[in-house]
């Protein structure tokens, strides 16, 4: 098992962004502009990091370390801090970064996260209303979503096709798998 630390920063934190971070379980660091989520799940770390492209100005950096003890969690947090410093210095459109015990694997995980971030960042509010009602991996949801939004199932299908939701679902899985590899030393 591994430890993952996700660091969030924004030059100005909108109230809906802070609410979204709290729903994830992220906590504001004392006397710091950072919010933190510490988890043992690569899937949760990916889901958290992908808040950044949805909330303009929000940056997310993920640290991945092998082990689940306090030392591993602190190391993951140190790695995320280093990734955040590098991210803040750069001009990155899709503001996610990864650092891990395996630098090459961390770079691969960052690449996958940025590809998924590009899909997520380009959605309209109307498209988000459709996507937010879906549960990944569950079939037969279109009718329920359509009914909740007062639109046709065909409109739901078209919205999901436009938004790249299916590709995002697959990309999240890839990013999580690569993130697990980033936690393992040995490049």
N, C-alpha and C. Protein backbone atom coordinates (compact mmCIF):
# COMPACT_ATOMS: atom_id res chain seq x y z
N UNK A 1 0.84 -1.19 0.00
CA UNK A 1 0.00 0.00 0.00
C UNK A 1 0.88 1.24 0.00
N UNK A 2 0.28 2.32 -0.47
CA UNK A 2 1.01 3.57 -0.63
C UNK A 2 0.29 4.74 0.03
N UNK A 3 1.02 5.82 0.19
CA UNK A 3 0.46 7.07 0.70
C UNK A 3 0.48 8.10 -0.41
N UNK A 4 -0.59 8.86 -0.50
CA UNK A 4 -0.70 9.93 -1.49
C UNK A 4 -1.11 11.20 -0.77
N UNK A 5 -0.42 12.27 -1.11
CA UNK A 5 -0.76 13.58 -0.55
C UNK A 5 -1.09 14.49 -1.71
N UNK A 6 -2.22 15.16 -1.63
CA UNK A 6 -2.61 16.10 -2.67
C UNK A 6 -2.64 17.48 -2.03
N UNK A 7 -1.83 18.37 -2.59
CA UNK A 7 -1.74 19.75 -2.12
C UNK A 7 -2.51 20.64 -3.10
N UNK A 8 -3.35 21.51 -2.56
CA UNK A 8 -4.11 22.45 -3.38
C UNK A 8 -3.74 23.88 -2.98
N UNK A 9 -3.57 24.72 -3.98
CA UNK A 9 -3.36 26.15 -3.72
C UNK A 9 -4.06 26.96 -4.80
N UNK A 10 -4.48 28.15 -4.41
CA UNK A 10 -5.08 29.09 -5.35
C UNK A 10 -4.72 30.49 -4.91
N UNK A 11 -4.48 31.35 -5.87
CA UNK A 11 -4.16 32.74 -5.52
C UNK A 11 -5.36 33.38 -4.83
N UNK A 12 -6.55 32.96 -5.23
CA UNK A 12 -7.78 33.42 -4.60
C UNK A 12 -8.76 32.26 -4.62
N UNK A 13 -9.17 31.82 -3.46
CA UNK A 13 -10.02 30.63 -3.35
C UNK A 13 -11.49 31.05 -3.37
N UNK A 14 -12.20 30.63 -4.42
CA UNK A 14 -13.64 30.90 -4.52
C UNK A 14 -14.37 30.02 -3.50
N UNK A 15 -15.51 30.50 -2.97
CA UNK A 15 -16.24 29.70 -1.97
C UNK A 15 -16.65 28.32 -2.48
N UNK A 16 -17.05 28.20 -3.75
CA UNK A 16 -17.45 26.88 -4.26
C UNK A 16 -16.25 25.94 -4.36
N UNK A 17 -15.06 26.49 -4.57
CA UNK A 17 -13.85 25.67 -4.62
C UNK A 17 -13.53 25.13 -3.23
N UNK A 18 -13.61 25.99 -2.22
CA UNK A 18 -13.37 25.55 -0.84
C UNK A 18 -14.39 24.50 -0.44
N UNK A 19 -15.64 24.69 -0.84
CA UNK A 19 -16.68 23.69 -0.54
C UNK A 19 -16.36 22.35 -1.18
N UNK A 20 -15.93 22.39 -2.44
CA UNK A 20 -15.58 21.15 -3.16
C UNK A 20 -14.41 20.43 -2.48
N UNK A 21 -13.43 21.19 -2.01
CA UNK A 21 -12.29 20.59 -1.30
C UNK A 21 -12.74 19.94 0.01
N UNK A 22 -13.63 20.61 0.72
CA UNK A 22 -14.12 20.05 1.99
C UNK A 22 -14.92 18.77 1.76
N UNK A 23 -15.72 18.73 0.70
CA UNK A 23 -16.48 17.52 0.38
C UNK A 23 -15.54 16.34 0.14
N UNK A 24 -14.39 16.60 -0.48
CA UNK A 24 -13.40 15.55 -0.72
C UNK A 24 -12.72 15.07 0.56
N UNK A 25 -12.77 15.90 1.58
CA UNK A 25 -12.07 15.58 2.83
C UNK A 25 -10.76 16.32 2.98
N UNK A 26 -10.48 17.25 2.06
CA UNK A 26 -9.26 18.06 2.18
C UNK A 26 -9.41 19.02 3.35
N UNK A 27 -8.29 19.32 3.97
CA UNK A 27 -8.28 20.22 5.13
C UNK A 27 -7.33 21.36 4.88
N UNK A 28 -7.70 22.53 5.36
CA UNK A 28 -6.85 23.72 5.25
C UNK A 28 -5.70 23.61 6.22
N UNK A 29 -4.50 23.84 5.72
CA UNK A 29 -3.32 23.82 6.59
C UNK A 29 -3.27 25.12 7.38
N UNK A 30 -2.90 25.02 8.66
CA UNK A 30 -2.80 26.21 9.51
C UNK A 30 -1.74 27.16 8.97
N UNK A 31 -2.05 28.44 8.96
CA UNK A 31 -1.10 29.50 8.57
C UNK A 31 -0.43 29.22 7.23
N UNK A 32 -1.18 28.67 6.30
CA UNK A 32 -0.65 28.33 4.99
C UNK A 32 -1.75 28.51 3.96
N UNK A 33 -1.37 28.81 2.72
CA UNK A 33 -2.40 28.91 1.68
C UNK A 33 -2.83 27.54 1.15
N UNK A 34 -2.26 26.48 1.68
CA UNK A 34 -2.49 25.13 1.15
C UNK A 34 -3.65 24.41 1.82
N UNK A 35 -4.30 23.57 1.02
CA UNK A 35 -5.26 22.59 1.49
C UNK A 35 -4.63 21.23 1.21
N UNK A 36 -4.91 20.24 2.07
CA UNK A 36 -4.28 18.93 1.94
C UNK A 36 -5.30 17.81 2.02
N UNK A 37 -5.08 16.81 1.19
CA UNK A 37 -5.79 15.54 1.29
C UNK A 37 -4.73 14.46 1.36
N UNK A 38 -4.77 13.65 2.41
CA UNK A 38 -3.86 12.51 2.56
C UNK A 38 -4.72 11.26 2.43
N UNK A 39 -4.32 10.36 1.55
CA UNK A 39 -5.11 9.16 1.29
C UNK A 39 -4.20 7.97 0.97
N UNK A 40 -4.74 6.79 1.07
CA UNK A 40 -4.02 5.58 0.67
C UNK A 40 -4.55 5.06 -0.67
N UNK A 41 -5.41 5.83 -1.30
CA UNK A 41 -6.03 5.43 -2.55
C UNK A 41 -5.56 6.31 -3.71
N UNK A 42 -4.94 5.68 -4.71
CA UNK A 42 -4.52 6.41 -5.90
C UNK A 42 -5.74 6.95 -6.64
N UNK A 43 -6.84 6.19 -6.65
CA UNK A 43 -8.07 6.65 -7.31
C UNK A 43 -8.59 7.93 -6.66
N UNK A 44 -8.56 7.99 -5.33
CA UNK A 44 -9.01 9.19 -4.62
C UNK A 44 -8.08 10.37 -4.89
N UNK A 45 -6.79 10.11 -4.98
CA UNK A 45 -5.83 11.18 -5.28
C UNK A 45 -6.07 11.74 -6.67
N UNK A 46 -6.34 10.88 -7.64
CA UNK A 46 -6.62 11.33 -9.00
C UNK A 46 -7.92 12.14 -9.03
N UNK A 47 -8.95 11.62 -8.39
CA UNK A 47 -10.24 12.34 -8.34
C UNK A 47 -10.05 13.73 -7.72
N UNK A 48 -9.26 13.80 -6.67
CA UNK A 48 -9.01 15.09 -6.01
C UNK A 48 -8.23 16.03 -6.92
N UNK A 49 -7.17 15.54 -7.52
CA UNK A 49 -6.34 16.40 -8.38
C UNK A 49 -7.13 16.96 -9.54
N UNK A 50 -8.12 16.22 -10.01
CA UNK A 50 -8.90 16.69 -11.15
C UNK A 50 -9.94 17.74 -10.80
N UNK A 51 -9.95 18.18 -9.55
CA UNK A 51 -10.73 19.38 -9.21
C UNK A 51 -10.08 20.63 -9.80
N UNK A 52 -8.76 20.61 -9.92
CA UNK A 52 -8.04 21.80 -10.38
C UNK A 52 -8.51 22.33 -11.72
N UNK A 53 -8.63 21.50 -12.75
CA UNK A 53 -9.06 22.07 -14.03
C UNK A 53 -10.52 22.54 -14.04
N UNK A 54 -11.30 22.07 -13.09
CA UNK A 54 -12.71 22.51 -13.03
C UNK A 54 -12.85 23.86 -12.33
N UNK A 55 -11.89 24.19 -11.48
CA UNK A 55 -11.95 25.43 -10.71
C UNK A 55 -10.80 26.35 -11.13
N UNK A 56 -11.08 27.37 -11.93
CA UNK A 56 -10.02 28.25 -12.43
C UNK A 56 -9.16 28.82 -11.30
N UNK A 57 -7.85 28.78 -11.51
CA UNK A 57 -6.91 29.31 -10.53
C UNK A 57 -6.45 28.31 -9.50
N UNK A 58 -7.09 27.15 -9.44
CA UNK A 58 -6.71 26.13 -8.46
C UNK A 58 -5.59 25.27 -9.03
N UNK A 59 -4.56 25.04 -8.24
CA UNK A 59 -3.45 24.17 -8.60
C UNK A 59 -3.50 22.93 -7.71
N UNK A 60 -3.14 21.78 -8.27
CA UNK A 60 -3.11 20.54 -7.49
C UNK A 60 -1.81 19.81 -7.77
N UNK A 61 -1.11 19.42 -6.71
CA UNK A 61 0.13 18.65 -6.82
C UNK A 61 -0.02 17.40 -5.98
N UNK A 62 0.36 16.26 -6.55
CA UNK A 62 0.23 14.97 -5.89
C UNK A 62 1.61 14.43 -5.56
N UNK A 63 1.78 13.96 -4.34
CA UNK A 63 2.99 13.25 -3.93
C UNK A 63 2.64 11.80 -3.68
N UNK A 64 3.48 10.88 -4.16
CA UNK A 64 3.21 9.44 -4.02
C UNK A 64 4.41 8.76 -3.36
N UNK A 65 4.17 8.09 -2.23
CA UNK A 65 5.24 7.42 -1.49
C UNK A 65 4.81 6.01 -1.10
N UNK A 66 5.79 5.12 -1.08
CA UNK A 66 5.53 3.74 -0.71
C UNK A 66 5.34 3.63 0.80
N UNK A 67 4.34 2.87 1.22
CA UNK A 67 4.07 2.66 2.64
C UNK A 67 2.91 3.50 3.12
N UNK A 68 2.36 3.12 4.26
CA UNK A 68 1.19 3.83 4.79
C UNK A 68 1.39 4.34 6.22
N UNK A 69 2.61 4.32 6.70
CA UNK A 69 2.86 4.83 8.05
C UNK A 69 2.99 6.36 8.01
N UNK A 70 3.15 6.96 9.18
CA UNK A 70 3.25 8.41 9.25
C UNK A 70 4.45 8.95 8.48
N UNK A 71 5.55 8.24 8.50
CA UNK A 71 6.75 8.67 7.77
C UNK A 71 6.47 8.70 6.26
N UNK A 72 5.79 7.70 5.75
CA UNK A 72 5.44 7.65 4.32
C UNK A 72 4.50 8.79 3.96
N UNK A 73 3.52 9.04 4.81
CA UNK A 73 2.57 10.13 4.55
C UNK A 73 3.29 11.48 4.54
N UNK A 74 4.23 11.67 5.47
CA UNK A 74 5.01 12.93 5.49
C UNK A 74 5.87 13.05 4.24
N UNK A 75 6.45 11.93 3.80
CA UNK A 75 7.28 11.95 2.59
C UNK A 75 6.41 12.28 1.37
N UNK A 76 5.22 11.70 1.29
CA UNK A 76 4.30 12.02 0.19
C UNK A 76 3.96 13.50 0.21
N UNK A 77 3.77 14.03 1.41
CA UNK A 77 3.46 15.46 1.55
C UNK A 77 4.64 16.32 1.10
N UNK A 78 5.86 15.92 1.46
CA UNK A 78 7.06 16.65 1.02
C UNK A 78 7.19 16.61 -0.50
N UNK A 79 6.91 15.45 -1.09
CA UNK A 79 6.96 15.33 -2.55
C UNK A 79 5.93 16.24 -3.21
N UNK A 80 4.72 16.27 -2.65
CA UNK A 80 3.67 17.13 -3.20
C UNK A 80 4.05 18.60 -3.08
N UNK A 81 4.68 18.96 -1.97
CA UNK A 81 5.13 20.35 -1.79
C UNK A 81 6.14 20.73 -2.86
N UNK A 82 7.09 19.84 -3.13
CA UNK A 82 8.07 20.10 -4.18
C UNK A 82 7.43 20.23 -5.55
N UNK A 83 6.45 19.36 -5.83
CA UNK A 83 5.73 19.45 -7.11
C UNK A 83 4.95 20.75 -7.21
N UNK A 84 4.38 21.21 -6.09
CA UNK A 84 3.63 22.46 -6.10
C UNK A 84 4.54 23.64 -6.39
N UNK A 85 5.72 23.67 -5.79
CA UNK A 85 6.68 24.75 -6.03
C UNK A 85 7.02 24.81 -7.52
N UNK A 86 7.29 23.65 -8.12
CA UNK A 86 7.60 23.60 -9.54
C UNK A 86 6.40 24.04 -10.37
N UNK A 87 5.22 23.64 -9.97
CA UNK A 87 3.99 24.00 -10.69
C UNK A 87 3.75 25.50 -10.64
N UNK A 88 3.96 26.11 -9.48
CA UNK A 88 3.74 27.54 -9.33
C UNK A 88 4.72 28.37 -10.16
N UNK A 89 5.89 27.84 -10.43
CA UNK A 89 6.89 28.55 -11.23
C UNK A 89 6.58 28.48 -12.72
N UNK A 90 5.85 27.46 -13.15
CA UNK A 90 5.61 27.24 -14.57
C UNK A 90 4.35 27.93 -15.07
N UNK A 91 4.21 27.90 -16.36
CA UNK A 91 3.02 28.42 -17.01
C UNK A 91 2.25 27.22 -17.56
N UNK A 92 1.53 26.53 -16.70
CA UNK A 92 0.84 25.31 -17.08
C UNK A 92 -0.65 25.59 -17.16
N UNK A 93 -1.24 25.24 -18.30
CA UNK A 93 -2.67 25.47 -18.47
C UNK A 93 -3.51 24.52 -17.63
N UNK A 94 -3.13 23.25 -17.62
CA UNK A 94 -3.88 22.26 -16.86
C UNK A 94 -3.08 21.98 -15.60
N UNK A 95 -3.43 22.66 -14.54
CA UNK A 95 -2.59 22.84 -13.37
C UNK A 95 -2.57 21.64 -12.43
N UNK A 96 -1.96 20.55 -12.89
CA UNK A 96 -1.74 19.39 -12.04
C UNK A 96 -0.28 18.94 -12.19
N UNK A 97 0.28 18.45 -11.10
CA UNK A 97 1.66 17.97 -11.12
C UNK A 97 1.76 16.76 -10.21
N UNK A 98 2.77 15.91 -10.48
CA UNK A 98 2.98 14.69 -9.69
C UNK A 98 4.46 14.57 -9.37
N UNK A 99 4.76 14.14 -8.15
CA UNK A 99 6.12 13.77 -7.75
C UNK A 99 6.01 12.46 -6.99
N UNK A 100 6.98 11.59 -7.18
CA UNK A 100 6.93 10.30 -6.49
C UNK A 100 8.30 9.74 -6.25
N UNK A 101 8.34 8.62 -5.57
CA UNK A 101 9.61 7.95 -5.30
C UNK A 101 10.27 7.49 -6.60
N UNK A 102 9.48 7.23 -7.61
CA UNK A 102 9.99 6.88 -8.93
C UNK A 102 9.74 8.07 -9.85
N UNK A 103 10.76 8.90 -10.11
CA UNK A 103 10.55 10.11 -10.91
C UNK A 103 10.02 9.85 -12.32
N UNK A 104 10.50 8.81 -12.99
CA UNK A 104 10.01 8.52 -14.34
C UNK A 104 8.53 8.13 -14.32
N UNK A 105 8.15 7.29 -13.38
CA UNK A 105 6.75 6.89 -13.26
C UNK A 105 5.88 8.08 -12.86
N UNK A 106 6.42 8.98 -12.03
CA UNK A 106 5.67 10.18 -11.65
C UNK A 106 5.42 11.06 -12.87
N UNK A 107 6.39 11.17 -13.75
CA UNK A 107 6.23 11.95 -14.97
C UNK A 107 5.15 11.33 -15.85
N UNK A 108 5.12 10.00 -15.94
CA UNK A 108 4.07 9.32 -16.71
C UNK A 108 2.70 9.59 -16.10
N UNK A 109 2.60 9.51 -14.78
CA UNK A 109 1.33 9.76 -14.10
C UNK A 109 0.89 11.20 -14.32
N UNK A 110 1.84 12.13 -14.28
CA UNK A 110 1.51 13.54 -14.52
C UNK A 110 1.00 13.73 -15.94
N UNK A 111 1.62 13.07 -16.90
CA UNK A 111 1.17 13.17 -18.29
C UNK A 111 -0.26 12.68 -18.44
N UNK A 112 -0.58 11.55 -17.84
CA UNK A 112 -1.94 11.01 -17.91
C UNK A 112 -2.93 11.96 -17.23
N UNK A 113 -2.55 12.49 -16.06
CA UNK A 113 -3.44 13.43 -15.36
C UNK A 113 -3.69 14.69 -16.19
N UNK A 114 -2.67 15.19 -16.85
CA UNK A 114 -2.85 16.40 -17.66
C UNK A 114 -3.74 16.14 -18.87
N UNK A 115 -3.63 14.96 -19.46
CA UNK A 115 -4.52 14.63 -20.58
C UNK A 115 -5.98 14.60 -20.11
N UNK A 116 -6.22 13.97 -18.97
CA UNK A 116 -7.58 13.94 -18.44
C UNK A 116 -8.01 15.35 -18.01
N UNK A 117 -7.10 16.11 -17.45
CA UNK A 117 -7.42 17.49 -17.05
C UNK A 117 -7.87 18.32 -18.24
N UNK A 118 -7.28 18.07 -19.39
CA UNK A 118 -7.68 18.81 -20.59
C UNK A 118 -9.13 18.50 -20.95
N UNK A 119 -9.52 17.25 -20.82
CA UNK A 119 -10.91 16.87 -21.09
C UNK A 119 -11.84 17.59 -20.10
N UNK A 120 -11.48 17.54 -18.83
CA UNK A 120 -12.31 18.11 -17.77
C UNK A 120 -12.43 19.63 -17.89
N UNK A 121 -11.35 20.29 -18.25
CA UNK A 121 -11.32 21.76 -18.28
C UNK A 121 -12.21 22.37 -19.35
N UNK A 122 -12.49 21.61 -20.40
CA UNK A 122 -13.22 22.18 -21.53
C UNK A 122 -14.74 22.03 -21.43
N UNK A 123 -15.26 21.55 -20.32
CA UNK A 123 -16.71 21.34 -20.19
C UNK A 123 -17.46 22.62 -19.86
N UNK A 124 -18.65 22.74 -20.42
CA UNK A 124 -19.54 23.85 -20.08
C UNK A 124 -20.31 23.51 -18.80
N UNK A 125 -20.97 24.48 -18.22
CA UNK A 125 -21.79 24.23 -17.02
C UNK A 125 -22.91 23.24 -17.33
N UNK A 126 -23.52 23.36 -18.50
CA UNK A 126 -24.60 22.44 -18.88
C UNK A 126 -24.06 21.01 -18.97
N UNK A 127 -22.88 20.85 -19.53
CA UNK A 127 -22.27 19.52 -19.62
C UNK A 127 -21.93 18.97 -18.23
N UNK A 128 -21.47 19.85 -17.34
CA UNK A 128 -21.18 19.41 -15.98
C UNK A 128 -22.44 18.92 -15.27
N UNK A 129 -23.58 19.57 -15.55
CA UNK A 129 -24.83 19.12 -14.91
C UNK A 129 -25.12 17.66 -15.27
N UNK A 130 -24.85 17.28 -16.51
CA UNK A 130 -25.05 15.89 -16.93
C UNK A 130 -24.03 14.98 -16.26
N UNK A 131 -22.76 15.34 -16.37
CA UNK A 131 -21.68 14.51 -15.84
C UNK A 131 -21.79 14.31 -14.33
N UNK A 132 -22.17 15.36 -13.62
CA UNK A 132 -22.25 15.28 -12.16
C UNK A 132 -23.30 14.28 -11.67
N UNK A 133 -24.27 13.95 -12.50
CA UNK A 133 -25.31 13.00 -12.09
C UNK A 133 -24.96 11.55 -12.39
N UNK A 134 -23.84 11.32 -13.03
CA UNK A 134 -23.45 9.96 -13.42
C UNK A 134 -22.55 9.31 -12.38
N UNK A 135 -22.66 8.00 -12.29
CA UNK A 135 -21.76 7.20 -11.47
C UNK A 135 -20.90 6.38 -12.42
N UNK A 136 -19.59 6.61 -12.44
CA UNK A 136 -18.73 5.87 -13.37
C UNK A 136 -18.88 4.36 -13.22
N UNK A 137 -18.95 3.68 -14.37
CA UNK A 137 -19.00 2.23 -14.36
C UNK A 137 -20.39 1.63 -14.20
N UNK A 138 -21.41 2.46 -13.98
CA UNK A 138 -22.78 1.96 -13.82
C UNK A 138 -23.53 2.15 -15.13
N UNK A 139 -24.10 1.07 -15.63
CA UNK A 139 -24.83 1.12 -16.89
C UNK A 139 -26.30 1.51 -16.66
N UNK A 140 -26.94 2.01 -17.72
CA UNK A 140 -28.37 2.29 -17.68
C UNK A 140 -28.76 3.54 -16.92
N UNK A 141 -27.89 4.53 -16.89
CA UNK A 141 -28.18 5.75 -16.12
C UNK A 141 -28.80 6.87 -16.95
N UNK A 142 -28.72 6.78 -18.25
CA UNK A 142 -29.13 7.89 -19.10
C UNK A 142 -30.57 8.33 -18.85
N UNK A 143 -31.47 7.37 -18.68
CA UNK A 143 -32.88 7.69 -18.48
C UNK A 143 -33.08 8.46 -17.17
N UNK A 144 -32.39 8.02 -16.12
CA UNK A 144 -32.51 8.69 -14.82
C UNK A 144 -31.95 10.11 -14.89
N UNK A 145 -30.80 10.26 -15.53
CA UNK A 145 -30.18 11.59 -15.67
C UNK A 145 -31.07 12.49 -16.51
N UNK A 146 -31.58 11.97 -17.62
CA UNK A 146 -32.45 12.74 -18.50
C UNK A 146 -33.69 13.23 -17.75
N UNK A 147 -34.29 12.34 -16.98
CA UNK A 147 -35.47 12.69 -16.20
C UNK A 147 -35.16 13.78 -15.18
N UNK A 148 -34.03 13.65 -14.50
CA UNK A 148 -33.65 14.64 -13.47
C UNK A 148 -33.41 16.02 -14.07
N UNK A 149 -32.91 16.05 -15.31
CA UNK A 149 -32.59 17.33 -15.95
C UNK A 149 -33.69 17.82 -16.90
N UNK A 150 -34.70 17.01 -17.12
CA UNK A 150 -35.78 17.40 -18.03
C UNK A 150 -35.33 17.44 -19.48
N UNK A 151 -34.45 16.52 -19.87
CA UNK A 151 -33.97 16.44 -21.24
C UNK A 151 -34.15 15.01 -21.73
N UNK A 152 -33.91 14.79 -23.00
CA UNK A 152 -34.05 13.44 -23.55
C UNK A 152 -32.81 12.60 -23.27
N UNK A 153 -32.98 11.28 -23.34
CA UNK A 153 -31.82 10.40 -23.18
C UNK A 153 -30.83 10.61 -24.32
N UNK A 154 -31.35 10.98 -25.49
CA UNK A 154 -30.48 11.28 -26.63
C UNK A 154 -29.61 12.51 -26.33
N UNK A 155 -30.18 13.51 -25.66
CA UNK A 155 -29.40 14.70 -25.29
C UNK A 155 -28.32 14.35 -24.28
N UNK A 156 -28.63 13.43 -23.36
CA UNK A 156 -27.62 12.97 -22.39
C UNK A 156 -26.49 12.28 -23.13
N UNK A 157 -26.84 11.39 -24.05
CA UNK A 157 -25.84 10.66 -24.83
C UNK A 157 -24.94 11.61 -25.62
N UNK A 158 -25.55 12.59 -26.27
CA UNK A 158 -24.77 13.56 -27.05
C UNK A 158 -23.87 14.41 -26.15
N UNK A 159 -24.38 14.80 -25.00
CA UNK A 159 -23.56 15.60 -24.07
C UNK A 159 -22.35 14.80 -23.61
N UNK A 160 -22.55 13.53 -23.30
CA UNK A 160 -21.44 12.71 -22.83
C UNK A 160 -20.42 12.47 -23.94
N UNK A 161 -20.90 12.33 -25.14
CA UNK A 161 -19.99 12.17 -26.28
C UNK A 161 -19.15 13.43 -26.47
N UNK A 162 -19.81 14.58 -26.39
CA UNK A 162 -19.11 15.87 -26.54
C UNK A 162 -18.08 16.12 -25.45
N UNK A 163 -18.40 15.69 -24.24
CA UNK A 163 -17.54 16.01 -23.09
C UNK A 163 -16.35 15.07 -22.92
N UNK A 164 -16.36 13.96 -23.63
CA UNK A 164 -15.28 12.99 -23.46
C UNK A 164 -15.37 12.24 -22.14
N UNK A 165 -16.59 12.10 -21.61
CA UNK A 165 -16.76 11.47 -20.31
C UNK A 165 -16.25 10.04 -20.30
N UNK A 166 -16.52 9.30 -21.34
CA UNK A 166 -16.06 7.90 -21.39
C UNK A 166 -14.53 7.84 -21.40
N UNK A 167 -13.91 8.74 -22.16
CA UNK A 167 -12.45 8.80 -22.22
C UNK A 167 -11.88 9.23 -20.87
N UNK A 168 -12.57 10.16 -20.21
CA UNK A 168 -12.13 10.59 -18.88
C UNK A 168 -12.14 9.41 -17.91
N UNK A 169 -13.19 8.61 -17.95
CA UNK A 169 -13.32 7.46 -17.06
C UNK A 169 -12.13 6.51 -17.24
N UNK A 170 -11.79 6.22 -18.49
CA UNK A 170 -10.65 5.34 -18.78
C UNK A 170 -9.33 6.02 -18.40
N UNK A 171 -9.21 7.32 -18.66
CA UNK A 171 -8.00 8.06 -18.34
C UNK A 171 -7.74 8.15 -16.84
N UNK A 172 -8.80 8.28 -16.06
CA UNK A 172 -8.64 8.31 -14.60
C UNK A 172 -8.05 6.99 -14.10
N UNK A 173 -8.53 5.90 -14.65
CA UNK A 173 -8.02 4.59 -14.27
C UNK A 173 -6.54 4.46 -14.62
N UNK A 174 -6.17 4.91 -15.81
CA UNK A 174 -4.77 4.88 -16.22
C UNK A 174 -3.92 5.76 -15.30
N UNK A 175 -4.38 6.97 -15.02
CA UNK A 175 -3.62 7.88 -14.16
C UNK A 175 -3.42 7.28 -12.77
N UNK A 176 -4.44 6.63 -12.23
CA UNK A 176 -4.32 6.01 -10.90
C UNK A 176 -3.32 4.87 -10.93
N UNK A 177 -3.35 4.06 -11.98
CA UNK A 177 -2.39 2.95 -12.09
C UNK A 177 -0.96 3.48 -12.18
N UNK A 178 -0.77 4.52 -12.96
CA UNK A 178 0.57 5.12 -13.08
C UNK A 178 1.00 5.78 -11.78
N UNK A 179 0.04 6.37 -11.07
CA UNK A 179 0.34 6.99 -9.78
C UNK A 179 0.80 5.94 -8.76
N UNK A 180 0.18 4.77 -8.78
CA UNK A 180 0.62 3.69 -7.90
C UNK A 180 2.07 3.31 -8.21
N UNK A 181 2.43 3.30 -9.48
CA UNK A 181 3.81 3.02 -9.88
C UNK A 181 4.77 4.11 -9.44
N UNK A 182 4.30 5.34 -9.40
CA UNK A 182 5.14 6.46 -8.99
C UNK A 182 5.54 6.38 -7.52
N UNK A 183 4.74 5.66 -6.73
CA UNK A 183 5.01 5.55 -5.30
C UNK A 183 6.12 4.54 -4.99
N UNK A 184 6.47 3.73 -5.97
CA UNK A 184 7.44 2.66 -5.75
C UNK A 184 8.82 3.09 -6.24
N UNK A 185 9.78 3.14 -5.34
CA UNK A 185 11.14 3.54 -5.70
C UNK A 185 11.73 2.50 -6.63
N UNK A 186 12.65 2.94 -7.48
CA UNK A 186 13.35 1.97 -8.30
C UNK A 186 13.53 2.34 -9.74
N UNK A 187 13.62 3.60 -10.08
CA UNK A 187 13.92 4.00 -11.48
C UNK A 187 15.32 3.63 -11.85
